[in-house]
Amino acid sequence: MTDNIIETLSSQLKQSIEPMNKVGSLVQANLEKLAELQLQSFRTYTELATRQWKALANARDLEGLKAFGETQTEIASEVGKKVMADLKEISEMGMQLKDEIEKIVSKKDSE
């Protein structure tokens, strides 16, 4: 009888912990993706800033400074597009994580 109680409790505990483990794994995977996205973005923005500083340093006269200034609209557009793409990807990652967690929770509730 004691064996049955222990087996039942063990089974119930396993059923309770399993969804939490799945959610934990999903969150961990999502954080890894987010960290990779942040690293990629950091590289992109650092390279862009480095190019800009080099271009500004090479502007040795009024014409060079004028040429540098004319490229700023393009640079601002490039940065804006990158920021929007990053935000879209983060939003999609969040929605996907939410959907997957909801599936786990609803599966647990239906059991």
N, C-alpha and C. Protein backbone atom coordinates (compact mmCIF):
# COMPACT_ATOMS: atom_id res chain seq x y z
N MET A 1 0.82 -1.19 0.00
CA MET A 1 0.00 0.00 0.00
C MET A 1 0.86 1.26 0.00
N THR A 2 1.90 1.22 0.81
CA THR A 2 2.81 2.36 0.86
C THR A 2 3.48 2.56 -0.49
N ASP A 3 3.80 1.47 -1.15
CA ASP A 3 4.41 1.55 -2.48
C ASP A 3 3.47 2.24 -3.47
N ASN A 4 2.19 1.94 -3.39
CA ASN A 4 1.21 2.57 -4.28
C ASN A 4 1.11 4.08 -4.03
N ILE A 5 1.14 4.45 -2.77
CA ILE A 5 1.06 5.88 -2.42
C ILE A 5 2.30 6.61 -2.95
N ILE A 6 3.45 6.02 -2.72
CA ILE A 6 4.70 6.64 -3.17
C ILE A 6 4.71 6.71 -4.70
N GLU A 7 4.28 5.65 -5.36
CA GLU A 7 4.24 5.64 -6.83
C GLU A 7 3.27 6.69 -7.36
N THR A 8 2.12 6.82 -6.72
CA THR A 8 1.13 7.82 -7.13
C THR A 8 1.67 9.22 -6.93
N LEU A 9 2.27 9.49 -5.78
CA LEU A 9 2.85 10.80 -5.51
C LEU A 9 3.98 11.12 -6.49
N SER A 10 4.80 10.13 -6.77
CA SER A 10 5.91 10.30 -7.70
C SER A 10 5.39 10.63 -9.10
N SER A 11 4.36 9.93 -9.50
CA SER A 11 3.75 10.18 -10.81
C SER A 11 3.13 11.57 -10.88
N GLN A 12 2.45 11.96 -9.84
CA GLN A 12 1.82 13.29 -9.81
C GLN A 12 2.88 14.39 -9.81
N LEU A 13 3.94 14.17 -9.07
CA LEU A 13 5.03 15.14 -9.03
C LEU A 13 5.67 15.28 -10.42
N LYS A 14 5.89 14.16 -11.07
CA LYS A 14 6.48 14.18 -12.42
C LYS A 14 5.56 14.94 -13.39
N GLN A 15 4.26 14.69 -13.30
CA GLN A 15 3.30 15.37 -14.17
C GLN A 15 3.27 16.87 -13.89
N SER A 16 3.50 17.26 -12.65
CA SER A 16 3.49 18.68 -12.29
C SER A 16 4.78 19.38 -12.74
N ILE A 17 5.87 18.69 -12.63
CA ILE A 17 7.17 19.29 -12.94
C ILE A 17 7.43 19.32 -14.45
N GLU A 18 6.94 18.36 -15.18
CA GLU A 18 7.22 18.26 -16.62
C GLU A 18 6.87 19.54 -17.39
N PRO A 19 5.68 20.12 -17.19
CA PRO A 19 5.37 21.38 -17.90
C PRO A 19 6.32 22.52 -17.52
N MET A 20 6.72 22.58 -16.26
CA MET A 20 7.64 23.63 -15.82
C MET A 20 9.00 23.46 -16.50
N ASN A 21 9.43 22.21 -16.65
CA ASN A 21 10.69 21.94 -17.34
C ASN A 21 10.61 22.36 -18.80
N LYS A 22 9.48 22.08 -19.44
CA LYS A 22 9.30 22.47 -20.84
C LYS A 22 9.32 23.99 -20.98
N VAL A 23 8.63 24.67 -20.09
CA VAL A 23 8.61 26.14 -20.12
C VAL A 23 10.01 26.68 -19.88
N GLY A 24 10.71 26.12 -18.93
CA GLY A 24 12.08 26.55 -18.64
C GLY A 24 12.99 26.37 -19.85
N SER A 25 12.85 25.26 -20.53
CA SER A 25 13.66 25.02 -21.74
C SER A 25 13.32 26.02 -22.84
N LEU A 26 12.03 26.31 -23.00
CA LEU A 26 11.61 27.30 -24.00
C LEU A 26 12.17 28.68 -23.68
N VAL A 27 12.09 29.06 -22.43
CA VAL A 27 12.60 30.38 -22.02
C VAL A 27 14.11 30.44 -22.24
N GLN A 28 14.81 29.40 -21.88
CA GLN A 28 16.26 29.36 -22.08
C GLN A 28 16.60 29.48 -23.57
N ALA A 29 15.93 28.73 -24.42
CA ALA A 29 16.19 28.80 -25.86
C ALA A 29 15.88 30.20 -26.39
N ASN A 30 14.80 30.81 -25.89
CA ASN A 30 14.43 32.14 -26.33
C ASN A 30 15.48 33.17 -25.89
N LEU A 31 15.98 33.04 -24.67
CA LEU A 31 17.02 33.95 -24.20
C LEU A 31 18.30 33.81 -25.01
N GLU A 32 18.62 32.59 -25.41
CA GLU A 32 19.81 32.37 -26.25
C GLU A 32 19.63 33.06 -27.61
N LYS A 33 18.43 32.93 -28.19
CA LYS A 33 18.16 33.59 -29.47
C LYS A 33 18.24 35.11 -29.32
N LEU A 34 17.69 35.62 -28.23
CA LEU A 34 17.72 37.06 -27.97
C LEU A 34 19.15 37.55 -27.79
N ALA A 35 19.96 36.80 -27.07
CA ALA A 35 21.36 37.18 -26.87
C ALA A 35 22.11 37.20 -28.20
N GLU A 36 21.85 36.22 -29.05
CA GLU A 36 22.49 36.18 -30.37
C GLU A 36 22.05 37.37 -31.22
N LEU A 37 20.78 37.68 -31.17
CA LEU A 37 20.27 38.85 -31.91
C LEU A 37 20.94 40.12 -31.42
N GLN A 38 21.08 40.25 -30.11
CA GLN A 38 21.73 41.44 -29.55
C GLN A 38 23.19 41.52 -29.97
N LEU A 39 23.87 40.39 -29.99
CA LEU A 39 25.27 40.39 -30.43
C LEU A 39 25.39 40.79 -31.90
N GLN A 40 24.50 40.25 -32.72
CA GLN A 40 24.51 40.62 -34.15
C GLN A 40 24.22 42.11 -34.32
N SER A 41 23.26 42.61 -33.59
CA SER A 41 22.93 44.03 -33.67
C SER A 41 24.10 44.88 -33.20
N PHE A 42 24.72 44.48 -32.12
CA PHE A 42 25.87 45.22 -31.62
C PHE A 42 26.98 45.28 -32.66
N ARG A 43 27.25 44.14 -33.32
CA ARG A 43 28.26 44.12 -34.37
C ARG A 43 27.89 45.07 -35.50
N THR A 44 26.64 45.00 -35.93
CA THR A 44 26.18 45.84 -37.03
C THR A 44 26.32 47.32 -36.69
N TYR A 45 25.83 47.71 -35.51
CA TYR A 45 25.89 49.11 -35.12
C TYR A 45 27.33 49.57 -34.89
N THR A 46 28.17 48.70 -34.36
CA THR A 46 29.57 49.04 -34.16
C THR A 46 30.27 49.25 -35.49
N GLU A 47 30.02 48.36 -36.44
CA GLU A 47 30.62 48.51 -37.77
C GLU A 47 30.14 49.80 -38.44
N LEU A 48 28.88 50.10 -38.30
CA LEU A 48 28.32 51.32 -38.87
C LEU A 48 28.97 52.56 -38.24
N ALA A 49 29.09 52.56 -36.94
CA ALA A 49 29.70 53.70 -36.25
C ALA A 49 31.16 53.85 -36.65
N THR A 50 31.87 52.74 -36.78
CA THR A 50 33.27 52.78 -37.17
C THR A 50 33.41 53.35 -38.58
N ARG A 51 32.54 52.91 -39.49
CA ARG A 51 32.57 53.47 -40.86
C ARG A 51 32.32 54.97 -40.84
N GLN A 52 31.37 55.39 -40.01
CA GLN A 52 31.04 56.81 -39.94
C GLN A 52 32.22 57.63 -39.39
N TRP A 53 32.86 57.13 -38.35
CA TRP A 53 34.00 57.85 -37.79
C TRP A 53 35.14 57.93 -38.80
N LYS A 54 35.37 56.84 -39.53
CA LYS A 54 36.42 56.85 -40.55
C LYS A 54 36.08 57.83 -41.66
N ALA A 55 34.81 57.82 -42.08
CA ALA A 55 34.40 58.75 -43.14
C ALA A 55 34.54 60.19 -42.68
N LEU A 56 34.18 60.46 -41.45
CA LEU A 56 34.32 61.83 -40.92
C LEU A 56 35.79 62.22 -40.81
N ALA A 57 36.62 61.29 -40.38
CA ALA A 57 38.05 61.57 -40.25
C ALA A 57 38.68 61.84 -41.61
N ASN A 58 38.13 61.23 -42.66
CA ASN A 58 38.66 61.43 -44.01
C ASN A 58 38.13 62.70 -44.67
N ALA A 59 37.20 63.37 -44.05
CA ALA A 59 36.68 64.64 -44.59
C ALA A 59 37.67 65.73 -44.21
N ARG A 60 38.58 66.00 -45.11
CA ARG A 60 39.69 66.92 -44.82
C ARG A 60 39.42 68.36 -45.27
N ASP A 61 38.38 68.52 -46.05
CA ASP A 61 38.06 69.87 -46.52
C ASP A 61 36.55 70.05 -46.58
N LEU A 62 36.10 71.20 -47.06
CA LEU A 62 34.68 71.49 -47.11
C LEU A 62 33.93 70.51 -48.00
N GLU A 63 34.51 70.16 -49.13
CA GLU A 63 33.86 69.20 -50.04
C GLU A 63 33.71 67.83 -49.38
N GLY A 64 34.74 67.39 -48.68
CA GLY A 64 34.69 66.11 -47.98
C GLY A 64 33.65 66.12 -46.88
N LEU A 65 33.57 67.24 -46.17
CA LEU A 65 32.57 67.38 -45.11
C LEU A 65 31.16 67.40 -45.70
N LYS A 66 31.01 68.06 -46.84
CA LYS A 66 29.72 68.10 -47.52
C LYS A 66 29.31 66.69 -47.97
N ALA A 67 30.25 65.96 -48.56
CA ALA A 67 29.97 64.59 -49.01
C ALA A 67 29.58 63.71 -47.82
N PHE A 68 30.28 63.90 -46.70
CA PHE A 68 29.95 63.14 -45.49
C PHE A 68 28.52 63.46 -45.05
N GLY A 69 28.18 64.72 -45.02
CA GLY A 69 26.85 65.15 -44.61
C GLY A 69 25.76 64.59 -45.50
N GLU A 70 26.03 64.48 -46.79
CA GLU A 70 25.03 63.98 -47.74
C GLU A 70 24.72 62.50 -47.52
N THR A 71 25.65 61.77 -46.94
CA THR A 71 25.43 60.34 -46.70
C THR A 71 24.63 60.08 -45.43
N GLN A 72 24.45 61.10 -44.60
CA GLN A 72 23.81 60.89 -43.31
C GLN A 72 22.35 60.46 -43.42
N THR A 73 21.64 60.92 -44.45
CA THR A 73 20.26 60.50 -44.65
C THR A 73 20.20 59.00 -44.93
N GLU A 74 21.12 58.54 -45.77
CA GLU A 74 21.19 57.11 -46.07
C GLU A 74 21.51 56.30 -44.82
N ILE A 75 22.43 56.79 -44.04
CA ILE A 75 22.83 56.10 -42.81
C ILE A 75 21.66 56.04 -41.83
N ALA A 76 20.96 57.18 -41.69
CA ALA A 76 19.81 57.21 -40.79
C ALA A 76 18.74 56.22 -41.25
N SER A 77 18.54 56.14 -42.55
CA SER A 77 17.57 55.19 -43.10
C SER A 77 18.00 53.75 -42.82
N GLU A 78 19.28 53.48 -43.01
CA GLU A 78 19.82 52.14 -42.76
C GLU A 78 19.64 51.75 -41.29
N VAL A 79 19.95 52.67 -40.39
CA VAL A 79 19.80 52.40 -38.96
C VAL A 79 18.33 52.19 -38.62
N GLY A 80 17.46 53.04 -39.16
CA GLY A 80 16.02 52.90 -38.90
C GLY A 80 15.49 51.55 -39.35
N LYS A 81 15.91 51.11 -40.53
CA LYS A 81 15.47 49.80 -41.04
C LYS A 81 15.98 48.67 -40.15
N LYS A 82 17.22 48.78 -39.71
CA LYS A 82 17.80 47.74 -38.86
C LYS A 82 17.07 47.69 -37.51
N VAL A 83 16.78 48.85 -36.93
CA VAL A 83 16.07 48.89 -35.66
C VAL A 83 14.68 48.26 -35.82
N MET A 84 13.99 48.62 -36.88
CA MET A 84 12.64 48.06 -37.11
C MET A 84 12.70 46.55 -37.32
N ALA A 85 13.69 46.08 -38.07
CA ALA A 85 13.83 44.64 -38.29
C ALA A 85 14.12 43.92 -36.97
N ASP A 86 14.98 44.51 -36.15
CA ASP A 86 15.29 43.91 -34.84
C ASP A 86 14.05 43.86 -33.96
N LEU A 87 13.32 44.96 -33.92
CA LEU A 87 12.10 44.99 -33.09
C LEU A 87 11.06 43.98 -33.58
N LYS A 88 10.95 43.85 -34.89
CA LYS A 88 10.00 42.88 -35.45
C LYS A 88 10.41 41.46 -35.05
N GLU A 89 11.69 41.17 -35.16
CA GLU A 89 12.17 39.83 -34.80
C GLU A 89 11.95 39.54 -33.31
N ILE A 90 12.22 40.53 -32.47
CA ILE A 90 12.01 40.36 -31.02
C ILE A 90 10.53 40.14 -30.73
N SER A 91 9.68 40.90 -31.39
CA SER A 91 8.24 40.76 -31.20
C SER A 91 7.77 39.37 -31.63
N GLU A 92 8.26 38.90 -32.78
CA GLU A 92 7.89 37.57 -33.26
C GLU A 92 8.38 36.48 -32.30
N MET A 93 9.58 36.67 -31.76
CA MET A 93 10.10 35.69 -30.80
C MET A 93 9.22 35.65 -29.56
N GLY A 94 8.81 36.82 -29.09
CA GLY A 94 7.95 36.89 -27.91
C GLY A 94 6.60 36.24 -28.15
N MET A 95 6.01 36.50 -29.32
CA MET A 95 4.71 35.90 -29.64
C MET A 95 4.82 34.38 -29.76
N GLN A 96 5.89 33.93 -30.38
CA GLN A 96 6.09 32.48 -30.52
C GLN A 96 6.26 31.83 -29.14
N LEU A 97 7.03 32.46 -28.27
CA LEU A 97 7.21 31.92 -26.92
C LEU A 97 5.88 31.88 -26.18
N LYS A 98 5.11 32.96 -26.28
CA LYS A 98 3.80 33.02 -25.62
C LYS A 98 2.90 31.89 -26.12
N ASP A 99 2.86 31.70 -27.44
CA ASP A 99 2.01 30.64 -28.01
C ASP A 99 2.44 29.26 -27.53
N GLU A 100 3.74 29.02 -27.49
CA GLU A 100 4.24 27.71 -27.06
C GLU A 100 3.94 27.47 -25.58
N ILE A 101 4.09 28.50 -24.76
CA ILE A 101 3.78 28.36 -23.33
C ILE A 101 2.28 28.12 -23.13
N GLU A 102 1.46 28.83 -23.90
CA GLU A 102 0.01 28.61 -23.81
C GLU A 102 -0.35 27.18 -24.18
N LYS A 103 0.31 26.60 -25.18
CA LYS A 103 0.05 25.21 -25.55
C LYS A 103 0.40 24.26 -24.40
N ILE A 104 1.52 24.52 -23.77
CA ILE A 104 1.92 23.67 -22.64
C ILE A 104 0.93 23.79 -21.50
N VAL A 105 0.53 25.02 -21.17
CA VAL A 105 -0.40 25.24 -20.08
C VAL A 105 -1.75 24.63 -20.39
N SER A 106 -2.25 24.81 -21.62
CA SER A 106 -3.56 24.26 -21.96
C SER A 106 -3.52 22.74 -21.98
N LYS A 107 -2.41 22.16 -22.39
CA LYS A 107 -2.26 20.70 -22.36
C LYS A 107 -2.28 20.20 -20.92
N LYS A 108 -1.62 20.93 -20.03
CA LYS A 108 -1.58 20.56 -18.62
C LYS A 108 -2.98 20.68 -18.00
N ASP A 109 -3.70 21.75 -18.38
CA ASP A 109 -5.05 21.96 -17.84
C ASP A 109 -6.03 20.89 -18.33
N SER A 110 -5.81 20.38 -19.53
CA SER A 110 -6.73 19.39 -20.08
C SER A 110 -6.49 17.99 -19.51
N GLU A 111 -5.35 17.81 -18.86
CA GLU A 111 -5.05 16.49 -18.30
C GLU A 111 -5.78 16.23 -17.00
